[in-house]
Amino acid sequence: MVSAVAEVLYRVHIDAPENVEVYLDGNYVGISPCSFKKTSGSHVITLRKSGYETRSYTVQVDEEKK
């Protein structure tokens, strides 16, 4: 018998502003609202939309399981 261990994947959600391109460390994630896998460490989140100023934010993501 093989026992399966379910790995819980925690995610970071970007809800606002809506309908902007979201990049994590320079890699395209999607159009907000969207989410991506939580990975601890320092990361740069960039929000981009044609006709608007591109904004980048450096965030520190903890290792907590939530």
C-alpha atoms as a PDB file:
ATOM      1  CA  MET A   1       0.000   0.000   0.000  1.00  0.00           C
ATOM      2  CA  VAL A   2       1.340   3.410  -0.969  1.00  0.00           C
ATOM      3  CA  SER A   3       0.346   6.348   1.172  1.00  0.00           C
ATOM      4  CA  ALA A   4      -0.091   9.677  -0.534  1.00  0.00           C
ATOM      5  CA  VAL A   5       0.974  12.833   1.236  1.00  0.00           C
ATOM      6  CA  ALA A   6      -0.866  15.903   0.028  1.00  0.00           C
ATOM      7  CA  GLU A   7       1.399  18.929  -0.227  1.00  0.00           C
ATOM      8  CA  VAL A   8      -0.371  22.145   0.634  1.00  0.00           C
ATOM      9  CA  LEU A   9       0.632  24.946  -1.703  1.00  0.00           C
ATOM     10  CA  TYR A  10       0.230  28.400  -0.230  1.00  0.00           C
ATOM     11  CA  ARG A  11      -0.410  31.255  -2.627  1.00  0.00           C
ATOM     12  CA  VAL A  12      -0.009  35.016  -2.804  1.00  0.00           C
ATOM     13  CA  HIS A  13      -3.036  36.849  -4.211  1.00  0.00           C
ATOM     14  CA  ILE A  14      -2.964  40.153  -6.102  1.00  0.00           C
ATOM     15  CA  ASP A  15      -6.506  41.580  -6.102  1.00  0.00           C
ATOM     16  CA  ALA A  16      -6.023  45.259  -6.929  1.00  0.00           C
ATOM     17  CA  PRO A  17      -5.692  47.146  -9.060  1.00  0.00           C
ATOM     18  CA  GLU A  18      -7.735  45.033 -11.442  1.00  0.00           C
ATOM     19  CA  ASN A  19      -6.802  44.261 -15.046  1.00  0.00           C
ATOM     20  CA  VAL A  20      -3.074  44.969 -14.782  1.00  0.00           C
ATOM     21  CA  GLU A  21      -0.259  42.683 -15.879  1.00  0.00           C
ATOM     22  CA  VAL A  22       1.476  41.122 -12.861  1.00  0.00           C
ATOM     23  CA  TYR A  23       5.142  40.097 -12.927  1.00  0.00           C
ATOM     24  CA  LEU A  24       7.032  38.283 -10.171  1.00  0.00           C
ATOM     25  CA  ASP A  25      10.800  38.773 -10.335  1.00  0.00           C
ATOM     26  CA  GLY A  26      10.443  39.725 -14.011  1.00  0.00           C
ATOM     27  CA  ASN A  27       8.326  36.678 -14.920  1.00  0.00           C
ATOM     28  CA  TYR A  28       4.769  37.172 -16.161  1.00  0.00           C
ATOM     29  CA  VAL A  29       2.177  35.770 -13.718  1.00  0.00           C
ATOM     30  CA  GLY A  30      -1.130  36.910 -15.226  1.00  0.00           C
ATOM     31  CA  ILE A  31      -3.770  39.648 -15.232  1.00  0.00           C
ATOM     32  CA  SER A  32      -5.067  40.741 -11.824  1.00  0.00           C
ATOM     33  CA  PRO A  33      -6.825  39.473  -9.913  1.00  0.00           C
ATOM     34  CA  CYS A  34      -4.430  36.520  -9.934  1.00  0.00           C
ATOM     35  CA  SER A  35      -2.272  34.454  -7.607  1.00  0.00           C
ATOM     36  CA  PHE A  36       1.035  32.644  -7.604  1.00  0.00           C
ATOM     37  CA  LYS A  37       2.821  30.046  -5.461  1.00  0.00           C
ATOM     38  CA  LYS A  38       4.203  31.447  -2.204  1.00  0.00           C
ATOM     39  CA  THR A  39       8.000  31.229  -2.094  1.00  0.00           C
ATOM     40  CA  SER A  40       9.846  32.695   0.888  1.00  0.00           C
ATOM     41  CA  GLY A  41      12.455  35.398   0.368  1.00  0.00           C
ATOM     42  CA  SER A  42      12.714  38.837  -1.189  1.00  0.00           C
ATOM     43  CA  HIS A  43      10.774  39.324  -4.431  1.00  0.00           C
ATOM     44  CA  VAL A  44       9.876  42.147  -6.808  1.00  0.00           C
ATOM     45  CA  ILE A  45       6.239  42.419  -7.887  1.00  0.00           C
ATOM     46  CA  THR A  46       5.697  44.644 -10.929  1.00  0.00           C
ATOM     47  CA  LEU A  47       2.291  45.948 -12.041  1.00  0.00           C
ATOM     48  CA  ARG A  48       2.013  47.142 -15.636  1.00  0.00           C
ATOM     49  CA  LYS A  49      -0.823  48.501 -17.797  1.00  0.00           C
ATOM     50  CA  SER A  50      -0.677  50.386 -21.075  1.00  0.00           C
ATOM     51  CA  GLY A  51      -1.239  54.122 -20.558  1.00  0.00           C
ATOM     52  CA  TYR A  52      -0.277  53.983 -16.849  1.00  0.00           C
ATOM     53  CA  GLU A  53       2.982  54.265 -14.941  1.00  0.00           C
ATOM     54  CA  THR A  54       4.588  50.884 -14.244  1.00  0.00           C
ATOM     55  CA  ARG A  55       5.009  50.236 -10.510  1.00  0.00           C
ATOM     56  CA  SER A  56       7.388  47.793  -8.831  1.00  0.00           C
ATOM     57  CA  TYR A  57       7.318  46.739  -5.185  1.00  0.00           C
ATOM     58  CA  THR A  58       9.935  44.765  -3.266  1.00  0.00           C
ATOM     59  CA  VAL A  59       8.281  42.414  -0.781  1.00  0.00           C
ATOM     60  CA  GLN A  60       9.671  40.065   1.844  1.00  0.00           C
ATOM     61  CA  VAL A  61       7.705  36.795   1.989  1.00  0.00           C
ATOM     62  CA  ASP A  62       7.998  34.800   5.233  1.00  0.00           C
ATOM     63  CA  GLU A  63       8.219  31.027   5.614  1.00  0.00           C
ATOM     64  CA  GLU A  64       5.015  30.697   7.648  1.00  0.00           C
ATOM     65  CA  LYS A  65       2.577  28.054   6.493  1.00  0.00           C
ATOM     66  CA  LYS A  66      -0.344  30.373   5.820  1.00  0.00           C
END
